[in-house]
PDB file of N, CA and C in Angstrom:
ATOM      1  N   MET A   1      -7.735 123.871 178.952  1.00  0.00           N
ATOM      2  CA  MET A   1      -8.382 123.924 177.937  1.00  0.00           C
ATOM      3  C   MET A   1      -9.556 123.002 178.044  1.00  0.00           C
ATOM      4  N   GLU A   2      -9.465 121.620 178.810  1.00  0.00           N
ATOM      5  CA  GLU A   2     -10.437 120.661 178.815  1.00  0.00           C
ATOM      6  C   GLU A   2     -11.811 121.773 178.853  1.00  0.00           C
ATOM      7  N   THR A   3     -11.418 122.674 180.218  1.00  0.00           N
ATOM      8  CA  THR A   3     -12.810 123.334 179.752  1.00  0.00           C
ATOM      9  C   THR A   3     -13.420 124.000 178.778  1.00  0.00           C
ATOM     10  N   ASN A   4     -12.540 124.738 178.096  1.00  0.00           N
ATOM     11  CA  ASN A   4     -13.294 125.032 177.461  1.00  0.00           C
ATOM     12  C   ASN A   4     -13.501 123.961 176.051  1.00  0.00           C
ATOM     13  N   ASN A   5     -12.851 122.879 175.839  1.00  0.00           N
ATOM     14  CA  ASN A   5     -13.472 122.254 174.836  1.00  0.00           C
ATOM     15  C   ASN A   5     -14.881 121.264 174.941  1.00  0.00           C
ATOM     16  N   GLN A   6     -15.359 121.376 176.120  1.00  0.00           N
ATOM     17  CA  GLN A   6     -16.729 120.989 176.980  1.00  0.00           C
ATOM     18  C   GLN A   6     -17.955 122.506 176.922  1.00  0.00           C
ATOM     19  N   LEU A   7     -16.997 123.037 177.110  1.00  0.00           N
ATOM     20  CA  LEU A   7     -18.380 124.470 176.580  1.00  0.00           C
ATOM     21  C   LEU A   7     -18.043 124.897 175.232  1.00  0.00           C
ATOM     22  N   PHE A   8     -17.030 124.659 174.804  1.00  0.00           N
ATOM     23  CA  PHE A   8     -17.253 124.213 173.326  1.00  0.00           C
ATOM     24  C   PHE A   8     -18.547 123.629 172.858  1.00  0.00           C
ATOM     25  N   ILE A   9     -18.064 122.200 173.278  1.00  0.00           N
ATOM     26  CA  ILE A   9     -18.935 121.241 172.749  1.00  0.00           C
ATOM     27  C   ILE A   9     -20.647 121.459 172.834  1.00  0.00           C
ATOM     28  N   GLY A  10     -20.895 122.344 174.277  1.00  0.00           N
ATOM     29  CA  GLY A  10     -22.114 122.629 175.222  1.00  0.00           C
ATOM     30  C   GLY A  10     -22.673 123.902 173.944  1.00  0.00           C
ATOM     31  N   ILE A  11     -21.861 124.022 173.623  1.00  0.00           N
ATOM     32  CA  ILE A  11     -22.622 125.479 172.196  1.00  0.00           C
ATOM     33  C   ILE A  11     -22.529 124.999 171.128  1.00  0.00           C
ATOM     34  N   ILE A  12     -21.967 124.046 170.730  1.00  0.00           N
ATOM     35  CA  ILE A  12     -22.713 122.823 169.941  1.00  0.00           C
ATOM     36  C   ILE A  12     -24.076 122.150 169.966  1.00  0.00           C
ATOM     37  N   ILE A  13     -23.900 121.870 170.735  1.00  0.00           N
ATOM     38  CA  ILE A  13     -25.497 120.474 171.135  1.00  0.00           C
ATOM     39  C   ILE A  13     -26.582 121.770 171.144  1.00  0.00           C
ATOM     40  N   PHE A  14     -26.385 123.467 172.065  1.00  0.00           N
ATOM     41  CA  PHE A  14     -27.047 124.294 172.052  1.00  0.00           C
ATOM     42  C   PHE A  14     -27.559 124.832 170.612  1.00  0.00           C
ATOM     43  N   PHE A  15     -26.329 124.806 169.387  1.00  0.00           N
ATOM     44  CA  PHE A  15     -26.589 125.417 168.285  1.00  0.00           C
ATOM     45  C   PHE A  15     -27.536 124.174 167.114  1.00  0.00           C
ATOM     46  N   LEU A  16     -27.543 123.788 167.464  1.00  0.00           N
ATOM     47  CA  LEU A  16     -27.826 122.220 166.968  1.00  0.00           C
ATOM     48  C   LEU A  16     -28.991 121.634 167.689  1.00  0.00           C
ATOM     49  N   ALA A  17     -29.386 122.352 168.577  1.00  0.00           N
ATOM     50  CA  ALA A  17     -30.524 121.731 169.361  1.00  0.00           C
ATOM     51  C   ALA A  17     -31.991 123.821 169.181  1.00  0.00           C
ATOM     52  N   ILE A  18     -31.732 124.454 168.922  1.00  0.00           N
ATOM     53  CA  ILE A  18     -32.222 125.434 168.625  1.00  0.00           C
ATOM     54  C   ILE A  18     -32.626 125.821 166.981  1.00  0.00           C
ATOM     55  N   ASN A  19     -31.732 124.894 166.386  1.00  0.00           N
ATOM     56  CA  ASN A  19     -31.968 125.185 164.893  1.00  0.00           C
ATOM     57  C   ASN A  19     -33.420 123.626 164.831  1.00  0.00           C
ATOM     58  N   LEU A  20     -32.625 123.131 164.968  1.00  0.00           N
ATOM     59  CA  LEU A  20     -33.785 121.459 165.029  1.00  0.00           C
ATOM     60  C   LEU A  20     -35.408 121.961 165.730  1.00  0.00           C
ATOM     61  N   LEU A  21     -34.816 123.081 166.880  1.00  0.00           N
ATOM     62  CA  LEU A  21     -36.878 123.565 167.180  1.00  0.00           C
ATOM     63  C   LEU A  21     -37.106 124.412 165.914  1.00  0.00           C
ATOM     64  N   ALA A  22     -36.464 125.722 165.367  1.00  0.00           N
ATOM     65  CA  ALA A  22     -36.548 126.564 164.358  1.00  0.00           C
ATOM     66  C   ALA A  22     -37.565 125.638 163.192  1.00  0.00           C
ATOM     67  N   PHE A  23     -36.132 124.553 162.810  1.00  0.00           N
ATOM     68  CA  PHE A  23     -37.138 123.851 162.342  1.00  0.00           C
ATOM     69  C   PHE A  23     -38.551 123.253 161.946  1.00  0.00           C
ATOM     70  N   PHE A  24     -38.704 122.947 163.367  1.00  0.00           N
ATOM     71  CA  PHE A  24     -40.187 122.405 163.796  1.00  0.00           C
ATOM     72  C   PHE A  24     -40.962 123.427 164.225  1.00  0.00           C
ATOM     73  N   VAL A  25     -40.674 123.818 164.199  1.00  0.00           N
ATOM     74  CA  VAL A  25     -41.931 125.191 164.615  1.00  0.00           C
ATOM     75  C   VAL A  25     -42.299 125.995 163.532  1.00  0.00           C
ATOM     76  N   MET A  26     -41.513 125.740 162.109  1.00  0.00           N
ATOM     77  CA  MET A  26     -41.670 126.388 161.090  1.00  0.00           C
ATOM     78  C   MET A  26     -42.519 125.390 159.705  1.00  0.00           C
ATOM     79  N   MET A  27     -42.414 124.124 160.626  1.00  0.00           N
ATOM     80  CA  MET A  27     -43.732 122.876 160.494  1.00  0.00           C
ATOM     81  C   MET A  27     -44.605 123.133 160.464  1.00  0.00           C
ATOM     82  N   ALA A  28     -44.545 123.642 162.312  1.00  0.00           N
ATOM     83  CA  ALA A  28     -45.754 123.459 162.781  1.00  0.00           C
ATOM     84  C   ALA A  28     -46.673 124.833 162.225  1.00  0.00           C
ATOM     85  N   ASP A  29     -46.109 126.233 162.220  1.00  0.00           N
ATOM     86  CA  ASP A  29     -47.020 127.306 161.414  1.00  0.00           C
ATOM     87  C   ASP A  29     -47.325 126.828 160.243  1.00  0.00           C
ATOM     88  N   LYS A  30     -46.829 126.187 159.263  1.00  0.00           N
ATOM     89  CA  LYS A  30     -47.292 126.047 157.799  1.00  0.00           C
ATOM     90  C   LYS A  30     -48.356 125.286 158.240  1.00  0.00           C
ATOM     91  N   VAL A  31     -48.326 124.218 159.139  1.00  0.00           N
ATOM     92  CA  VAL A  31     -49.112 123.210 159.207  1.00  0.00           C
ATOM     93  C   VAL A  31     -50.318 124.540 160.049  1.00  0.00           C
ATOM     94  N   LYS A  32     -50.482 125.462 161.129  1.00  0.00           N
ATOM     95  CA  LYS A  32     -51.831 126.380 161.367  1.00  0.00           C
ATOM     96  C   LYS A  32     -52.200 126.832 160.088  1.00  0.00           C
ATOM     97  N   SER A  33     -51.231 127.580 159.291  1.00  0.00           N
ATOM     98  CA  SER A  33     -51.504 128.580 157.997  1.00  0.00           C
ATOM     99  C   SER A  33     -52.414 127.891 157.036  1.00  0.00           C
ATOM    100  N   ARG A  34     -52.456 126.488 157.459  1.00  0.00           N
ATOM    101  CA  ARG A  34     -53.650 126.091 156.360  1.00  0.00           C
ATOM    102  C   ARG A  34     -54.726 125.741 157.066  1.00  0.00           C
ATOM    103  N   LYS A  35     -54.843 126.075 158.471  1.00  0.00           N
ATOM    104  CA  LYS A  35     -56.318 125.680 159.132  1.00  0.00           C
ATOM    105  C   LYS A  35     -56.698 127.212 158.968  1.00  0.00           C
ATOM    106  N   ARG A  36     -58.051 126.699 159.561  1.00  0.00           N
ATOM    107  CA  ARG A  36     -59.103 128.393 159.430  1.00  0.00           C
ATOM    108  C   ARG A  36     -58.937 128.540 161.434  1.00  0.00           C
ATOM    109  N   ASN A  37     -58.328 129.769 161.369  1.00  0.00           N
ATOM    110  CA  ASN A  37     -58.486 130.771 162.760  1.00  0.00           C
ATOM    111  C   ASN A  37     -57.635 130.485 163.188  1.00  0.00           C
ATOM    112  N   ALA A  38     -56.626 129.609 162.950  1.00  0.00           N
ATOM    113  CA  ALA A  38     -55.626 129.129 163.576  1.00  0.00           C
ATOM    114  C   ALA A  38     -54.739 130.102 164.408  1.00  0.00           C
ATOM    115  N   GLU A  39     -54.024 130.474 165.498  1.00  0.00           N
ATOM    116  CA  GLU A  39     -53.355 131.202 166.204  1.00  0.00           C
ATOM    117  C   GLU A  39     -51.874 131.012 165.235  1.00  0.00           C
ATOM    118  N   ARG A  40     -51.713 131.439 164.656  1.00  0.00           N
ATOM    119  CA  ARG A  40     -50.406 131.672 163.848  1.00  0.00           C
ATOM    120  C   ARG A  40     -48.961 131.819 165.073  1.00  0.00           C
ATOM    121  N   ILE A  41     -47.644 131.361 164.663  1.00  0.00           N
ATOM    122  CA  ILE A  41     -46.799 131.888 165.341  1.00  0.00           C
ATOM    123  C   ILE A  41     -46.228 133.117 164.968  1.00  0.00           C
ATOM    124  N   SER A  42     -46.198 134.114 165.178  1.00  0.00           N
ATOM    125  CA  SER A  42     -46.265 135.219 164.582  1.00  0.00           C
ATOM    126  C   SER A  42     -43.840 134.999 163.592  1.00  0.00           C
ATOM    127  N   GLU A  43     -44.080 136.459 162.420  1.00  0.00           N
ATOM    128  CA  GLU A  43     -42.946 136.464 162.507  1.00  0.00           C
ATOM    129  C   GLU A  43     -42.445 136.485 162.810  1.00  0.00           C
ATOM    130  N   GLY A  44     -42.138 137.695 163.765  1.00  0.00           N
ATOM    131  CA  GLY A  44     -41.238 138.215 164.671  1.00  0.00           C
ATOM    132  C   GLY A  44     -40.852 136.694 165.759  1.00  0.00           C
ATOM    133  N   MET A  45     -41.330 135.933 165.762  1.00  0.00           N
ATOM    134  CA  MET A  45     -40.913 135.000 166.882  1.00  0.00           C
ATOM    135  C   MET A  45     -40.459 134.075 165.441  1.00  0.00           C
ATOM    136  N   LEU A  46     -40.703 134.100 164.407  1.00  0.00           N
ATOM    137  CA  LEU A  46     -39.717 133.543 163.344  1.00  0.00           C
ATOM    138  C   LEU A  46     -37.782 134.307 163.459  1.00  0.00           C
ATOM    139  N   PHE A  47     -38.436 135.550 163.277  1.00  0.00           N
ATOM    140  CA  PHE A  47     -36.714 135.563 163.076  1.00  0.00           C
ATOM    141  C   PHE A  47     -36.304 136.009 164.243  1.00  0.00           C
ATOM    142  N   PHE A  48     -36.814 136.128 165.439  1.00  0.00           N
ATOM    143  CA  PHE A  48     -36.818 136.123 166.656  1.00  0.00           C
ATOM    144  C   PHE A  48     -35.685 135.027 166.691  1.00  0.00           C
ATOM    145  N   MET A  49     -36.319 133.267 166.635  1.00  0.00           N
ATOM    146  CA  MET A  49     -35.668 132.017 166.702  1.00  0.00           C
ATOM    147  C   MET A  49     -34.463 132.239 165.413  1.00  0.00           C
ATOM    148  N   ALA A  50     -34.406 132.797 164.275  1.00  0.00           N
ATOM    149  CA  ALA A  50     -33.878 132.729 163.685  1.00  0.00           C
ATOM    150  C   ALA A  50     -32.580 133.582 164.518  1.00  0.00           C
ATOM    151  N   THR A  51     -32.198 134.646 164.969  1.00  0.00           N
ATOM    152  CA  THR A  51     -31.315 135.574 165.504  1.00  0.00           C
ATOM    153  C   THR A  51     -30.849 134.921 166.902  1.00  0.00           C
ATOM    154  N   VAL A  52     -31.872 134.319 167.630  1.00  0.00           N
ATOM    155  CA  VAL A  52     -30.632 133.479 168.831  1.00  0.00           C
ATOM    156  C   VAL A  52     -29.996 131.873 167.707  1.00  0.00           C
ATOM    157  N   PHE A  53     -29.541 132.147 166.920  1.00  0.00           N
ATOM    158  CA  PHE A  53     -28.744 131.074 165.830  1.00  0.00           C
ATOM    159  C   PHE A  53     -29.849 129.334 165.613  1.00  0.00           C
ATOM    160  N   GLY A  54     -30.496 129.932 165.567  1.00  0.00           N
ATOM    161  CA  GLY A  54     -32.128 129.330 164.584  1.00  0.00           C
ATOM    162  C   GLY A  54     -31.734 129.129 163.624  1.00  0.00           C
ATOM    163  N   SER A  55     -31.086 130.559 162.961  1.00  0.00           N
ATOM    164  CA  SER A  55     -31.024 130.951 161.687  1.00  0.00           C
ATOM    165  C   SER A  55     -31.619 129.548 160.556  1.00  0.00           C
ATOM    166  N   ILE A  56     -30.623 128.021 160.254  1.00  0.00           N
ATOM    167  CA  ILE A  56     -30.058 127.674 159.529  1.00  0.00           C
ATOM    168  C   ILE A  56     -30.965 126.360 159.524  1.00  0.00           C
ATOM    169  N   GLY A  57     -31.805 125.636 160.847  1.00  0.00           N
ATOM    170  CA  GLY A  57     -33.208 125.826 160.800  1.00  0.00           C
ATOM    171  C   GLY A  57     -34.171 125.786 160.258  1.00  0.00           C
ATOM    172  N   VAL A  58     -34.271 127.477 160.254  1.00  0.00           N
ATOM    173  CA  VAL A  58     -35.891 128.376 160.415  1.00  0.00           C
ATOM    174  C   VAL A  58     -36.096 128.224 158.065  1.00  0.00           C
ATOM    175  N   TYR A  59     -34.562 128.343 157.871  1.00  0.00           N
ATOM    176  CA  TYR A  59     -33.974 128.547 156.055  1.00  0.00           C
ATOM    177  C   TYR A  59     -34.019 127.084 155.415  1.00  0.00           C
ATOM    178  N   LEU A  60     -34.082 125.810 156.167  1.00  0.00           N
ATOM    179  CA  LEU A  60     -34.256 124.823 155.960  1.00  0.00           C
ATOM    180  C   LEU A  60     -36.257 123.974 155.789  1.00  0.00           C
ATOM    181  N   GLY A  61     -36.624 124.582 157.109  1.00  0.00           N
ATOM    182  CA  GLY A  61     -38.425 124.556 157.390  1.00  0.00           C
ATOM    183  C   GLY A  61     -38.299 125.797 156.045  1.00  0.00           C
ATOM    184  N   MET A  62     -38.190 126.638 156.024  1.00  0.00           N
ATOM    185  CA  MET A  62     -38.719 127.306 155.343  1.00  0.00           C
ATOM    186  C   MET A  62     -38.810 126.820 153.685  1.00  0.00           C
ATOM    187  N   PHE A  63     -37.561 125.956 152.875  1.00  0.00           N
ATOM    188  CA  PHE A  63     -37.933 125.384 152.175  1.00  0.00           C
ATOM    189  C   PHE A  63     -38.664 124.025 151.951  1.00  0.00           C
ATOM    190  N   ALA A  64     -38.082 123.769 153.185  1.00  0.00           N
ATOM    191  CA  ALA A  64     -38.323 122.067 152.742  1.00  0.00           C
ATOM    192  C   ALA A  64     -40.910 122.002 153.261  1.00  0.00           C
ATOM    193  N   PHE A  65     -40.708 123.219 153.669  1.00  0.00           N
ATOM    194  CA  PHE A  65     -42.105 122.637 153.801  1.00  0.00           C
ATOM    195  C   PHE A  65     -42.809 124.322 152.975  1.00  0.00           C
ATOM    196  N   ARG A  66     -42.569 124.856 152.055  1.00  0.00           N
ATOM    197  CA  ARG A  66     -42.768 125.948 150.880  1.00  0.00           C
ATOM    198  C   ARG A  66     -42.701 126.770 152.005  1.00  0.00           C
ATOM    199  N   HIS A  67     -42.505 127.334 152.812  1.00  0.00           N
ATOM    200  CA  HIS A  67     -43.972 128.424 154.111  1.00  0.00           C
ATOM    201  C   HIS A  67     -42.465 129.111 154.572  1.00  0.00           C
ATOM    202  N   LYS A  68     -42.979 130.477 153.712  1.00  0.00           N
ATOM    203  CA  LYS A  68     -42.711 132.034 153.751  1.00  0.00           C
ATOM    204  C   LYS A  68     -41.479 132.285 152.612  1.00  0.00           C
ATOM    205  N   THR A  69     -41.641 131.619 152.243  1.00  0.00           N
ATOM    206  CA  THR A  69     -40.913 131.789 150.573  1.00  0.00           C
ATOM    207  C   THR A  69     -41.025 133.249 149.647  1.00  0.00           C
ATOM    208  N   GLN A  70     -42.443 133.143 149.847  1.00  0.00           N
ATOM    209  CA  GLN A  70     -42.404 134.421 149.264  1.00  0.00           C
ATOM    210  C   GLN A  70     -42.595 136.034 149.267  1.00  0.00           C
ATOM    211  N   LYS A  71     -41.305 135.531 150.726  1.00  0.00           N
ATOM    212  CA  LYS A  71     -41.776 136.899 150.999  1.00  0.00           C
ATOM    213  C   LYS A  71     -40.161 137.236 151.392  1.00  0.00           C
ATOM    214  N   TRP A  72     -40.479 138.635 150.475  1.00  0.00           N
ATOM    215  CA  TRP A  72     -38.853 139.334 150.028  1.00  0.00           C
ATOM    216  C   TRP A  72     -37.688 139.359 151.258  1.00  0.00           C
ATOM    217  N   TYR A  73     -38.303 139.665 153.062  1.00  0.00           N
ATOM    218  CA  TYR A  73     -38.194 140.035 153.566  1.00  0.00           C
ATOM    219  C   TYR A  73     -37.338 139.267 154.676  1.00  0.00           C
ATOM    220  N   PHE A  74     -38.002 137.194 153.912  1.00  0.00           N
ATOM    221  CA  PHE A  74     -37.444 136.016 154.518  1.00  0.00           C
ATOM    222  C   PHE A  74     -36.035 135.542 153.291  1.00  0.00           C
ATOM    223  N   LEU A  75     -36.187 135.263 152.518  1.00  0.00           N
ATOM    224  CA  LEU A  75     -35.538 135.471 151.827  1.00  0.00           C
ATOM    225  C   LEU A  75     -34.254 136.262 151.740  1.00  0.00           C
ATOM    226  N   LEU A  76     -34.529 137.243 152.299  1.00  0.00           N
ATOM    227  CA  LEU A  76     -33.239 138.115 152.266  1.00  0.00           C
ATOM    228  C   LEU A  76     -32.650 138.248 154.002  1.00  0.00           C
ATOM    229  N   GLY A  77     -33.724 138.090 154.970  1.00  0.00           N
ATOM    230  CA  GLY A  77     -32.870 138.434 155.748  1.00  0.00           C
ATOM    231  C   GLY A  77     -32.391 137.164 156.844  1.00  0.00           C
ATOM    232  N   ILE A  78     -32.909 135.908 155.963  1.00  0.00           N
ATOM    233  CA  ILE A  78     -32.727 134.880 157.011  1.00  0.00           C
ATOM    234  C   ILE A  78     -31.313 134.602 156.627  1.00  0.00           C
ATOM    235  N   PRO A  79     -30.940 134.281 155.316  1.00  0.00           N
ATOM    236  CA  PRO A  79     -29.327 134.123 154.863  1.00  0.00           C
ATOM    237  C   PRO A  79     -28.497 134.999 156.035  1.00  0.00           C
ATOM    238  N   MET A  80     -28.608 136.185 155.804  1.00  0.00           N
ATOM    239  CA  MET A  80     -27.982 137.606 155.999  1.00  0.00           C
ATOM    240  C   MET A  80     -27.444 136.728 157.580  1.00  0.00           C
ATOM    241  N   LEU A  81     -29.096 136.343 158.481  1.00  0.00           N
ATOM    242  CA  LEU A  81     -29.254 135.609 159.924  1.00  0.00           C
ATOM    243  C   LEU A  81     -27.658 134.696 159.964  1.00  0.00           C
ATOM    244  N   ILE A  82     -28.286 132.966 158.767  1.00  0.00           N
ATOM    245  CA  ILE A  82     -27.501 132.570 158.983  1.00  0.00           C
ATOM    246  C   ILE A  82     -25.538 132.937 158.966  1.00  0.00           C
ATOM    247  N   ILE A  83     -25.304 133.477 157.874  1.00  0.00           N
ATOM    248  CA  ILE A  83     -23.867 134.149 158.194  1.00  0.00           C
ATOM    249  C   ILE A  83     -24.055 135.403 158.794  1.00  0.00           C
ATOM    250  N   GLN A  84     -24.112 136.104 159.871  1.00  0.00           N
ATOM    251  CA  GLN A  84     -24.276 136.891 161.574  1.00  0.00           C
ATOM    252  C   GLN A  84     -24.310 134.975 162.345  1.00  0.00           C
ATOM    253  N   ASN A  85     -25.077 134.629 162.325  1.00  0.00           N
ATOM    254  CA  ASN A  85     -24.610 133.888 163.134  1.00  0.00           C
ATOM    255  C   ASN A  85     -23.739 132.564 162.942  1.00  0.00           C
ATOM    256  N   SER A  86     -23.347 132.668 161.779  1.00  0.00           N
ATOM    257  CA  SER A  86     -21.757 131.734 161.773  1.00  0.00           C
ATOM    258  C   SER A  86     -20.751 132.239 162.333  1.00  0.00           C
ATOM    259  N   ALA A  87     -20.446 133.557 162.092  1.00  0.00           N
ATOM    260  CA  ALA A  87     -19.177 135.113 162.511  1.00  0.00           C
ATOM    261  C   ALA A  87     -19.758 134.781 163.805  1.00  0.00           C
ATOM    262  N   PHE A  88     -20.314 135.299 164.547  1.00  0.00           N
ATOM    263  CA  PHE A  88     -20.660 134.834 165.851  1.00  0.00           C
ATOM    264  C   PHE A  88     -20.201 133.736 166.260  1.00  0.00           C
ATOM    265  N   LEU A  89     -20.899 132.311 165.674  1.00  0.00           N
ATOM    266  CA  LEU A  89     -19.793 131.338 166.014  1.00  0.00           C
ATOM    267  C   LEU A  89     -18.664 131.154 166.320  1.00  0.00           C
ATOM    268  N   TYR A  90     -18.503 131.482 165.043  1.00  0.00           N
ATOM    269  CA  TYR A  90     -16.553 131.834 164.194  1.00  0.00           C
ATOM    270  C   TYR A  90     -15.629 132.235 165.846  1.00  0.00           C
ATOM    271  N   LEU A  91     -16.181 133.626 166.069  1.00  0.00           N
ATOM    272  CA  LEU A  91     -15.816 134.164 166.678  1.00  0.00           C
ATOM    273  C   LEU A  91     -15.676 133.929 168.612  1.00  0.00           C
ATOM    274  N   ILE A  92     -16.823 133.057 168.883  1.00  0.00           N
ATOM    275  CA  ILE A  92     -16.697 132.551 170.081  1.00  0.00           C
ATOM    276  C   ILE A  92     -15.497 131.218 169.990  1.00  0.00           C
ATOM    277  N   TYR A  93     -15.301 130.736 168.837  1.00  0.00           N
ATOM    278  CA  TYR A  93     -14.186 128.861 168.689  1.00  0.00           C
ATOM    279  C   TYR A  93     -12.820 130.275 168.761  1.00  0.00           C
ATOM    280  N   LEU A  94     -13.432 131.009 167.762  1.00  0.00           N
ATOM    281  CA  LEU A  94     -11.191 131.834 168.427  1.00  0.00           C
ATOM    282  C   LEU A  94     -11.049 131.939 169.883  1.00  0.00           C
ATOM    283  N   LEU A  95     -12.500 133.226 170.477  1.00  0.00           N
ATOM    284  CA  LEU A  95     -11.758 133.179 171.564  1.00  0.00           C
ATOM    285  C   LEU A  95     -11.412 131.728 172.640  1.00  0.00           C
ATOM    286  N   LEU A  96     -12.119 131.378 172.363  1.00  0.00           N
ATOM    287  CA  LEU A  96     -12.493 129.356 173.106  1.00  0.00           C
ATOM    288  C   LEU A  96     -11.195 129.181 172.409  1.00  0.00           C
ATOM    289  N   ARG A  97     -10.838 129.185 171.885  1.00  0.00           N
ATOM    290  CA  ARG A  97      -9.184 128.631 171.790  1.00  0.00           C
ATOM    291  C   ARG A  97      -7.966 129.385 171.747  1.00  0.00           C
ATOM    292  N   GLY A  98      -8.055 130.384 172.120  1.00  0.00           N
ATOM    293  CA  GLY A  98      -7.031 131.514 172.631  1.00  0.00           C
ATOM    294  C   GLY A  98      -6.448 132.324 171.398  1.00  0.00           C
TER     295      GLY A  98
END
């Protein structure tokens, strides 16, 4: 049981770290969007980060930096990924709790 608790804490730390990273990636892309000829972060990479548990960070970054908020696929897709990420984390929680 102690091993399961440590594993769950590790998963939570990973979840927080990936969301923090995703938030700052959104900020970096917004800064790059204002510069001419800057190499941007692809929308595919932003969705990938959201898919691998960074959806909350991407979503918060969208509104904190007013970035990608005019794109319908971000406005619909990222909340759907939040639901998917939450469901998967809950499933992991249930499996670890036995």
